Structure formats: C-alpha cells, structure tokens
C-alpha cells in the first residue's frame, strides 16, 4: 500500500490518494479516484511512500470506508490498514470528494 496523505487538515484542499498492491500476485490498483491525482505535481513535498507497521511489517489487510452526504453522494474516502503480523490498525489515507456524480467510486476499491 502506498499512500499520499498530504493536504490541509482543515479543508483537505489537495488530493491525497492510495494505491494497493496484492501480496499474492503483486497486482496493483488505485483506490477510488486516486489515479486521477497520482502525479508528481500534486504531491508537492509529500511524495507517497509504502505503508509500514511499527513492527517492521509491510503486509496489511485493507478496508475502504466511504462517508456520504445528505444527497447520497460520496463525500470522503478513508483507507484503513491492519498489519498481518501483529494486528496493529490505523487510518493510512483519508480525503475529501468535492465533485459529483460519485457512484463510480464505490466499485474502485
């Protein structure tokens, strides 16, 4: 899992994102709309890096959560990881969605 979790903590004005890699086949895929913003210009001083657990492991189970607005559209994407080795869990990426429609994001995990 690589994550670019930069941005303003108040308004999340820049676009963080996440890319996952399967530990079985090494296949890679972007989560939600990350691919649209996964470029050097958007990273500024916060280039994405591999997620790591305090125990040293880099293998995780991943979960993606969506927060919805009153109109039913996706307003926030949150990626949580759980270390396979010791069970340590945390939020590794979280970003605001400020456009519509957003239904396509629900299938891009």
Protein backbone atom coordinates (compact mmCIF):
# COMPACT_ATOMS: atom_id res chain seq x y z
CA UNK A 1 0.00 0.00 0.00
CA UNK A 2 1.37 3.39 -0.95
CA UNK A 3 -0.38 6.48 0.28
CA UNK A 4 -0.09 10.19 -0.36
CA UNK A 5 -1.92 11.60 2.59
CA UNK A 6 -0.90 15.22 2.37
CA UNK A 7 -3.22 18.16 2.37
CA UNK A 8 -4.72 20.70 4.66
CA UNK A 9 -6.19 19.03 7.73
CA UNK A 10 -8.98 21.62 7.85
CA UNK A 11 -10.21 21.65 4.27
CA UNK A 12 -8.27 18.80 2.59
CA UNK A 13 -7.59 21.12 -0.32
CA UNK A 14 -5.05 18.86 -2.02
CA UNK A 15 -5.83 15.37 -3.27
CA UNK A 16 -4.26 12.55 -1.34
CA UNK A 17 -4.82 9.02 -2.50
CA UNK A 18 -3.81 5.39 -2.21
CA UNK A 19 -2.57 2.57 -4.40
CA UNK A 20 -2.74 -1.05 -3.28
CA UNK A 21 -0.55 -3.99 -4.24
CA UNK A 22 -1.63 -7.61 -3.82
CA UNK A 23 0.85 -9.59 -1.70
CA UNK A 24 -0.08 -12.74 -3.65
CA UNK A 25 0.26 -11.69 -7.29
CA UNK A 26 1.84 -8.19 -6.99
CA UNK A 27 -1.06 -6.71 -9.00
CA UNK A 28 -1.53 -3.00 -8.38
CA UNK A 29 -4.66 -0.84 -8.38
CA UNK A 30 -5.59 2.66 -7.32
CA UNK A 31 -8.29 3.17 -4.70
CA UNK A 32 -11.31 5.33 -5.62
CA UNK A 33 -10.22 8.37 -7.65
CA UNK A 34 -6.52 8.21 -6.68
CA UNK A 35 -5.27 7.55 -10.21
CA UNK A 36 -6.64 10.90 -11.40
CA UNK A 37 -4.41 12.74 -8.93
CA UNK A 38 -1.42 10.39 -8.68
CA UNK A 39 1.28 12.55 -10.21
CA UNK A 40 4.35 14.45 -9.07
CA UNK A 41 2.69 17.86 -9.44
CA UNK A 42 0.02 17.01 -6.85
CA UNK A 43 2.46 15.56 -4.30
CA UNK A 44 4.26 18.85 -3.63
CA UNK A 45 6.55 17.96 -0.70
CA UNK A 46 4.69 14.82 0.33
CA UNK A 47 5.63 12.04 -2.12
CA UNK A 48 3.71 8.81 -1.50
CA UNK A 49 5.51 6.07 0.34
CA UNK A 50 4.89 2.47 1.30
CA UNK A 51 2.81 1.94 4.41
CA UNK A 52 4.71 0.38 7.27
CA UNK A 53 3.85 -1.01 10.68
CA UNK A 54 5.88 -0.14 13.79
CA UNK A 55 6.79 -3.87 13.95
CA UNK A 56 8.55 -3.55 10.57
CA UNK A 57 5.99 -5.44 8.50
CA UNK A 58 4.69 -4.02 5.22
CA UNK A 59 1.88 -6.54 4.65
CA UNK A 60 -1.66 -5.48 5.56
CA UNK A 61 -5.32 -6.27 5.24
CA UNK A 62 -7.06 -3.19 3.83
CA UNK A 63 -10.52 -1.68 4.28
CA UNK A 64 -12.03 1.26 2.44
CA UNK A 65 -14.79 3.36 4.02
CA UNK A 66 -16.99 5.91 2.30
CA UNK A 67 -18.76 8.81 4.02
CA UNK A 68 -21.91 10.01 2.30
CA UNK A 69 -23.59 13.39 2.07
CA UNK A 70 -27.30 14.00 2.60
CA UNK A 71 -27.83 13.55 -1.14
CA UNK A 72 -26.28 10.05 -1.08
CA UNK A 73 -23.07 11.00 -2.88
CA UNK A 74 -19.61 10.07 -1.63
CA UNK A 75 -18.02 12.95 0.33
CA UNK A 76 -14.95 11.28 1.87
CA UNK A 77 -12.82 8.18 1.28
CA UNK A 78 -10.87 6.62 4.17
CA UNK A 79 -8.38 3.75 3.89
CA UNK A 80 -7.59 1.69 6.98
CA UNK A 81 -4.93 -0.98 7.25
CA UNK A 82 -4.42 -3.86 9.70
CA UNK A 83 -0.96 -5.41 10.00
CA UNK A 84 -0.94 -9.12 9.18
CA UNK A 85 1.91 -9.74 11.64
CA UNK A 86 0.76 -8.04 14.86
CA UNK A 87 -2.76 -6.70 14.21
CA UNK A 88 -1.80 -3.02 14.55
CA UNK A 89 -4.50 -0.95 12.82
CA UNK A 90 -4.75 2.62 11.63
CA UNK A 91 -6.03 5.07 9.04
CA UNK A 92 -3.42 5.48 6.34
CA UNK A 93 -5.21 7.78 3.90
CA UNK A 94 -8.29 9.98 4.04
CA UNK A 95 -9.51 12.50 1.51
CA UNK A 96 -12.46 14.69 0.64
CA UNK A 97 -14.55 14.24 -2.52
CA UNK A 98 -15.93 17.55 -3.73
CA UNK A 99 -17.47 16.67 -7.08
CA UNK A 100 -20.32 14.60 -8.47
CA UNK A 101 -21.52 12.17 -9.55
CA UNK A 102 -19.61 9.77 -7.30
CA UNK A 103 -21.31 6.36 -7.72
CA UNK A 104 -18.33 5.01 -9.70
CA UNK A 105 -16.07 5.36 -6.63
CA UNK A 106 -17.94 2.59 -4.80
CA UNK A 107 -16.58 -0.01 -7.21
CA UNK A 108 -12.99 1.26 -7.24
CA UNK A 109 -11.55 -0.31 -4.11
